[in-house]
Structures are given as C-alpha cells and as structure tokens.
Amino acid sequence: MPVWYLVMDALASGETLDFKLYATGEVLHVDGGRLTLISAGLNSVTMITGFVVFDAVRKALAFDRRLAFAGYRQSTLVGAKSLAVALVAAAIALYTALAVLFFWRPTADG
C-alpha cells in the first residue's frame, strides 16, 4: 500500500483543480495531488477487498456445501459470509486511512 501511494504521489501534479459540486452548486478548488491520493486509497481498498472475496469464495465452496448438507440455512451462510466481507473491507479501509496519513495530513485550510 505505501508503495502504491508513493507511485501515485510521484505521478500526481500539485496543480489546483476546479469542479462544481452539484449538491450545493459551489465551485470547489482542490489540490490535484491530494485528490489523487484519496482516489488511489479508494481504488486500492476496492481491489484488495475484491481479491480477498474472490479468493475466499473460491477456497470455501466445498466447505459451504458441507455446511448446507449439515442443515445450515443458505441465508445464514450468506449472512455470515457478508459479515466477514464487511469486516475485511473495514480492516483494509482502516489500514488505507492510516497509510494516507504518512503522505497527507488534513488541515483546516485544505
């Protein structure tokens, strides 16, 4: 993750970007480098979580069949797997947020 941020930080420019926030109608002025770090963090959370879910589902198919044959309801198994995915995503998001702090600390002035 830190290597990903180093690459994104090296590629991003620090020029100011202007865009209109349609919810309020205001034009926002954002540092391009900071915006790139935030979007890189979101992208990395998505990629890592997707890989973890894919790998967990692939490895657990036989075990899930045995649990279903043992009498567990399918809704219970889906709920347990969804909770596990949510916990993994939360842990990765926390790690990503902590990694961002090494590259950028939010301040009151932006």
N, C-alpha and C. Protein backbone atom coordinates (compact mmCIF):
# COMPACT_ATOMS: atom_id res chain seq x y z
N MET A 1 0.81 -1.19 0.00
CA MET A 1 0.00 0.00 0.00
C MET A 1 0.86 1.27 0.00
N PRO A 2 1.86 1.38 0.86
CA PRO A 2 2.69 2.58 0.81
C PRO A 2 3.40 2.76 -0.54
N VAL A 3 3.80 1.66 -1.17
CA VAL A 3 4.43 1.77 -2.49
C VAL A 3 3.43 2.33 -3.50
N TRP A 4 2.19 1.90 -3.41
CA TRP A 4 1.13 2.41 -4.28
C TRP A 4 0.98 3.92 -4.11
N TYR A 5 0.99 4.38 -2.86
CA TYR A 5 0.89 5.81 -2.60
C TYR A 5 2.11 6.57 -3.10
N LEU A 6 3.30 5.99 -2.97
CA LEU A 6 4.50 6.65 -3.49
C LEU A 6 4.42 6.82 -5.01
N VAL A 7 3.95 5.79 -5.70
CA VAL A 7 3.81 5.87 -7.16
C VAL A 7 2.77 6.92 -7.53
N MET A 8 1.63 6.90 -6.87
CA MET A 8 0.57 7.87 -7.17
C MET A 8 1.01 9.30 -6.84
N ASP A 9 1.74 9.45 -5.75
CA ASP A 9 2.22 10.78 -5.37
C ASP A 9 3.24 11.30 -6.38
N ALA A 10 4.07 10.40 -6.91
CA ALA A 10 5.05 10.81 -7.91
C ALA A 10 4.39 11.18 -9.23
N LEU A 11 3.29 10.52 -9.57
CA LEU A 11 2.62 10.78 -10.84
C LEU A 11 1.68 11.99 -10.78
N ALA A 12 1.18 12.30 -9.60
CA ALA A 12 0.18 13.37 -9.48
C ALA A 12 0.85 14.73 -9.45
N SER A 13 0.18 15.68 -10.08
CA SER A 13 0.68 17.05 -10.02
C SER A 13 0.00 17.78 -8.87
N GLY A 14 0.61 18.83 -8.42
CA GLY A 14 0.05 19.59 -7.32
C GLY A 14 -0.81 20.76 -7.76
N GLU A 15 -1.19 20.79 -9.04
CA GLU A 15 -1.97 21.93 -9.52
C GLU A 15 -3.39 21.89 -8.98
N THR A 16 -4.00 23.03 -8.88
CA THR A 16 -5.35 23.15 -8.34
C THR A 16 -6.37 22.78 -9.40
N LEU A 17 -7.32 21.95 -9.01
CA LEU A 17 -8.39 21.54 -9.90
C LEU A 17 -9.68 22.19 -9.44
N ASP A 18 -10.45 22.67 -10.38
CA ASP A 18 -11.75 23.29 -10.07
C ASP A 18 -12.86 22.39 -10.60
N PHE A 19 -13.83 22.11 -9.75
CA PHE A 19 -15.01 21.40 -10.22
C PHE A 19 -16.22 21.84 -9.43
N LYS A 20 -17.37 21.69 -10.08
CA LYS A 20 -18.62 22.15 -9.48
C LYS A 20 -19.26 21.00 -8.71
N LEU A 21 -19.57 21.24 -7.45
CA LEU A 21 -20.29 20.28 -6.62
C LEU A 21 -21.78 20.53 -6.82
N TYR A 22 -22.42 19.62 -7.53
CA TYR A 22 -23.82 19.85 -7.90
C TYR A 22 -24.77 19.82 -6.72
N ALA A 23 -24.39 19.19 -5.63
CA ALA A 23 -25.26 19.15 -4.45
C ALA A 23 -25.46 20.54 -3.86
N THR A 24 -24.42 21.38 -3.91
CA THR A 24 -24.52 22.72 -3.34
C THR A 24 -24.43 23.82 -4.38
N GLY A 25 -23.96 23.48 -5.58
CA GLY A 25 -23.80 24.48 -6.62
C GLY A 25 -22.50 25.27 -6.52
N GLU A 26 -21.66 24.95 -5.54
CA GLU A 26 -20.40 25.67 -5.35
C GLU A 26 -19.31 25.10 -6.25
N VAL A 27 -18.37 25.96 -6.60
CA VAL A 27 -17.17 25.52 -7.32
C VAL A 27 -16.09 25.27 -6.27
N LEU A 28 -15.55 24.07 -6.26
CA LEU A 28 -14.53 23.70 -5.28
C LEU A 28 -13.15 23.75 -5.94
N HIS A 29 -12.17 24.16 -5.17
CA HIS A 29 -10.78 24.21 -5.62
C HIS A 29 -10.01 23.18 -4.79
N VAL A 30 -9.50 22.14 -5.45
CA VAL A 30 -8.87 21.02 -4.76
C VAL A 30 -7.48 20.81 -5.32
N ASP A 31 -6.53 20.52 -4.43
CA ASP A 31 -5.17 20.16 -4.86
C ASP A 31 -5.22 18.81 -5.56
N GLY A 32 -4.71 18.76 -6.78
CA GLY A 32 -4.75 17.53 -7.57
C GLY A 32 -4.00 16.37 -6.93
N GLY A 33 -2.89 16.66 -6.27
CA GLY A 33 -2.14 15.60 -5.61
C GLY A 33 -2.92 14.95 -4.47
N ARG A 34 -3.60 15.76 -3.69
CA ARG A 34 -4.39 15.22 -2.58
C ARG A 34 -5.58 14.43 -3.10
N LEU A 35 -6.21 14.93 -4.13
CA LEU A 35 -7.34 14.22 -4.73
C LEU A 35 -6.90 12.88 -5.29
N THR A 36 -5.71 12.84 -5.88
CA THR A 36 -5.18 11.59 -6.40
C THR A 36 -4.90 10.60 -5.28
N LEU A 37 -4.37 11.06 -4.16
CA LEU A 37 -4.11 10.15 -3.04
C LEU A 37 -5.41 9.58 -2.48
N ILE A 38 -6.45 10.39 -2.39
CA ILE A 38 -7.73 9.89 -1.88
C ILE A 38 -8.32 8.87 -2.83
N SER A 39 -8.32 9.17 -4.13
CA SER A 39 -8.89 8.22 -5.07
C SER A 39 -8.03 6.95 -5.17
N ALA A 40 -6.71 7.08 -5.02
CA ALA A 40 -5.85 5.89 -5.02
C ALA A 40 -6.16 5.01 -3.81
N GLY A 41 -6.44 5.63 -2.67
CA GLY A 41 -6.83 4.85 -1.49
C GLY A 41 -8.12 4.11 -1.70
N LEU A 42 -9.10 4.77 -2.28
CA LEU A 42 -10.38 4.10 -2.55
C LEU A 42 -10.21 2.97 -3.56
N ASN A 43 -9.40 3.20 -4.58
CA ASN A 43 -9.16 2.15 -5.57
C ASN A 43 -8.44 0.96 -4.96
N SER A 44 -7.47 1.21 -4.10
CA SER A 44 -6.75 0.09 -3.50
C SER A 44 -7.65 -0.71 -2.56
N VAL A 45 -8.53 -0.03 -1.82
CA VAL A 45 -9.47 -0.76 -0.96
C VAL A 45 -10.37 -1.65 -1.81
N THR A 46 -10.84 -1.12 -2.93
CA THR A 46 -11.70 -1.90 -3.81
C THR A 46 -10.97 -3.10 -4.38
N MET A 47 -9.75 -2.91 -4.87
CA MET A 47 -9.00 -4.02 -5.47
C MET A 47 -8.65 -5.09 -4.44
N ILE A 48 -8.17 -4.69 -3.28
CA ILE A 48 -7.76 -5.67 -2.27
C ILE A 48 -8.97 -6.43 -1.75
N THR A 49 -10.06 -5.72 -1.47
CA THR A 49 -11.27 -6.38 -0.96
C THR A 49 -11.82 -7.35 -2.01
N GLY A 50 -11.85 -6.93 -3.26
CA GLY A 50 -12.33 -7.82 -4.32
C GLY A 50 -11.50 -9.08 -4.42
N PHE A 51 -10.18 -8.94 -4.34
CA PHE A 51 -9.32 -10.12 -4.40
C PHE A 51 -9.55 -11.03 -3.21
N VAL A 52 -9.68 -10.46 -2.01
CA VAL A 52 -9.90 -11.27 -0.81
C VAL A 52 -11.22 -12.03 -0.91
N VAL A 53 -12.27 -11.36 -1.38
CA VAL A 53 -13.58 -12.01 -1.51
C VAL A 53 -13.51 -13.12 -2.56
N PHE A 54 -12.92 -12.83 -3.71
CA PHE A 54 -12.79 -13.85 -4.74
C PHE A 54 -12.04 -15.06 -4.23
N ASP A 55 -10.93 -14.85 -3.55
CA ASP A 55 -10.13 -15.96 -3.04
C ASP A 55 -10.88 -16.74 -1.96
N ALA A 56 -11.59 -16.03 -1.08
CA ALA A 56 -12.33 -16.71 -0.01
C ALA A 56 -13.47 -17.54 -0.57
N VAL A 57 -14.18 -17.02 -1.55
CA VAL A 57 -15.29 -17.77 -2.15
C VAL A 57 -14.77 -18.99 -2.89
N ARG A 58 -13.69 -18.83 -3.61
CA ARG A 58 -13.13 -19.95 -4.37
C ARG A 58 -12.66 -21.08 -3.46
N LYS A 59 -12.02 -20.72 -2.35
CA LYS A 59 -11.49 -21.75 -1.44
C LYS A 59 -12.56 -22.39 -0.57
N ALA A 60 -13.68 -21.71 -0.34
CA ALA A 60 -14.66 -22.18 0.63
C ALA A 60 -15.85 -22.91 0.01
N LEU A 61 -15.84 -23.15 -1.29
CA LEU A 61 -17.01 -23.78 -1.92
C LEU A 61 -17.31 -25.16 -1.35
N ALA A 62 -16.31 -26.00 -1.21
CA ALA A 62 -16.53 -27.35 -0.68
C ALA A 62 -17.01 -27.29 0.77
N PHE A 63 -16.43 -26.40 1.55
CA PHE A 63 -16.83 -26.26 2.96
C PHE A 63 -18.27 -25.77 3.05
N ASP A 64 -18.66 -24.82 2.20
CA ASP A 64 -20.04 -24.32 2.20
C ASP A 64 -21.03 -25.42 1.82
N ARG A 65 -20.66 -26.27 0.88
CA ARG A 65 -21.54 -27.39 0.53
C ARG A 65 -21.73 -28.32 1.72
N ARG A 66 -20.66 -28.60 2.44
CA ARG A 66 -20.79 -29.48 3.62
C ARG A 66 -21.68 -28.85 4.67
N LEU A 67 -21.55 -27.53 4.89
CA LEU A 67 -22.41 -26.86 5.85
C LEU A 67 -23.87 -26.90 5.42
N ALA A 68 -24.13 -26.74 4.14
CA ALA A 68 -25.50 -26.80 3.64
C ALA A 68 -26.07 -28.21 3.80
N PHE A 69 -25.25 -29.22 3.52
CA PHE A 69 -25.72 -30.59 3.71
C PHE A 69 -25.92 -30.92 5.18
N ALA A 70 -25.20 -30.21 6.07
CA ALA A 70 -25.34 -30.45 7.51
C ALA A 70 -26.60 -29.80 8.08
N GLY A 71 -27.29 -28.98 7.28
CA GLY A 71 -28.55 -28.43 7.73
C GLY A 71 -28.59 -26.93 7.95
N TYR A 72 -27.49 -26.25 7.72
CA TYR A 72 -27.49 -24.79 7.86
C TYR A 72 -28.29 -24.18 6.71
N ARG A 73 -29.07 -23.16 7.03
CA ARG A 73 -29.85 -22.48 6.00
C ARG A 73 -28.92 -21.65 5.13
N GLN A 74 -29.29 -21.53 3.87
CA GLN A 74 -28.47 -20.78 2.93
C GLN A 74 -28.40 -19.30 3.33
N SER A 75 -29.49 -18.77 3.86
CA SER A 75 -29.49 -17.37 4.27
C SER A 75 -28.51 -17.12 5.42
N THR A 76 -28.36 -18.07 6.30
CA THR A 76 -27.40 -17.95 7.40
C THR A 76 -25.97 -17.95 6.86
N LEU A 77 -25.70 -18.82 5.91
CA LEU A 77 -24.36 -18.88 5.33
C LEU A 77 -24.03 -17.61 4.54
N VAL A 78 -25.01 -17.10 3.79
CA VAL A 78 -24.79 -15.86 3.05
C VAL A 78 -24.58 -14.69 4.00
N GLY A 79 -25.34 -14.65 5.08
CA GLY A 79 -25.18 -13.59 6.08
C GLY A 79 -23.81 -13.63 6.74
N ALA A 80 -23.35 -14.82 7.08
CA ALA A 80 -22.02 -14.96 7.71
C ALA A 80 -20.92 -14.53 6.75
N LYS A 81 -21.04 -14.92 5.49
CA LYS A 81 -20.02 -14.54 4.52
C LYS A 81 -20.05 -13.03 4.27
N SER A 82 -21.25 -12.44 4.23
CA SER A 82 -21.36 -10.99 4.04
C SER A 82 -20.74 -10.23 5.21
N LEU A 83 -20.96 -10.72 6.43
CA LEU A 83 -20.36 -10.09 7.60
C LEU A 83 -18.84 -10.18 7.55
N ALA A 84 -18.33 -11.33 7.12
CA ALA A 84 -16.88 -11.48 7.01
C ALA A 84 -16.31 -10.52 5.97
N VAL A 85 -16.99 -10.35 4.85
CA VAL A 85 -16.54 -9.42 3.81
C VAL A 85 -16.55 -7.99 4.35
N ALA A 86 -17.60 -7.63 5.09
CA ALA A 86 -17.68 -6.28 5.66
C ALA A 86 -16.54 -6.02 6.65
N LEU A 87 -16.21 -7.02 7.45
CA LEU A 87 -15.11 -6.87 8.41
C LEU A 87 -13.76 -6.73 7.70
N VAL A 88 -13.56 -7.51 6.65
CA VAL A 88 -12.32 -7.41 5.88
C VAL A 88 -12.22 -6.04 5.22
N ALA A 89 -13.32 -5.58 4.63
CA ALA A 89 -13.31 -4.27 3.98
C ALA A 89 -13.04 -3.15 4.99
N ALA A 90 -13.62 -3.26 6.19
CA ALA A 90 -13.39 -2.24 7.22
C ALA A 90 -11.92 -2.24 7.67
N ALA A 91 -11.35 -3.42 7.82
CA ALA A 91 -9.94 -3.50 8.22
C ALA A 91 -9.01 -2.92 7.14
N ILE A 92 -9.30 -3.22 5.88
CA ILE A 92 -8.48 -2.69 4.79
C ILE A 92 -8.65 -1.17 4.69
N ALA A 93 -9.87 -0.68 4.88
CA ALA A 93 -10.12 0.77 4.83
C ALA A 93 -9.38 1.48 5.96
N LEU A 94 -9.34 0.89 7.14
CA LEU A 94 -8.60 1.48 8.26
C LEU A 94 -7.11 1.52 7.95
N TYR A 95 -6.59 0.44 7.42
CA TYR A 95 -5.18 0.39 7.04
C TYR A 95 -4.87 1.44 5.97
N THR A 96 -5.76 1.59 5.01
CA THR A 96 -5.57 2.58 3.95
C THR A 96 -5.59 3.99 4.52
N ALA A 97 -6.52 4.26 5.42
CA ALA A 97 -6.59 5.60 6.03
C ALA A 97 -5.33 5.91 6.83
N LEU A 98 -4.80 4.93 7.53
CA LEU A 98 -3.56 5.15 8.28
C LEU A 98 -2.38 5.35 7.34
N ALA A 99 -2.36 4.64 6.21
CA ALA A 99 -1.27 4.81 5.25
C ALA A 99 -1.32 6.19 4.61
N VAL A 100 -2.52 6.72 4.38
CA VAL A 100 -2.66 8.06 3.79
C VAL A 100 -2.06 9.10 4.73
N LEU A 101 -2.17 8.90 6.03
CA LEU A 101 -1.66 9.89 6.99
C LEU A 101 -0.15 10.09 6.88
N PHE A 102 0.58 9.12 6.35
CA PHE A 102 2.01 9.30 6.16
C PHE A 102 2.31 10.24 4.99
N PHE A 103 1.36 10.39 4.08
CA PHE A 103 1.57 11.21 2.89
C PHE A 103 0.85 12.55 2.96
N TRP A 104 -0.23 12.62 3.74
CA TRP A 104 -1.03 13.85 3.78
C TRP A 104 -1.80 13.90 5.09
N ARG A 105 -1.69 15.02 5.78
CA ARG A 105 -2.48 15.25 6.99
C ARG A 105 -3.50 16.33 6.69
N PRO A 106 -4.79 16.02 6.89
CA PRO A 106 -5.79 17.04 6.62
C PRO A 106 -5.67 18.22 7.59
N THR A 107 -5.84 19.40 7.05
CA THR A 107 -5.80 20.62 7.87
C THR A 107 -7.06 21.42 7.61
N ALA A 108 -7.27 22.43 8.43
CA ALA A 108 -8.46 23.26 8.30
C ALA A 108 -8.45 24.05 6.99
N ASP A 109 -7.28 24.38 6.47
CA ASP A 109 -7.22 25.19 5.26
C ASP A 109 -7.14 24.33 3.99
N GLY A 110 -7.24 23.01 4.11
CA GLY A 110 -7.25 22.16 2.92
C GLY A 110 -5.97 21.44 2.77
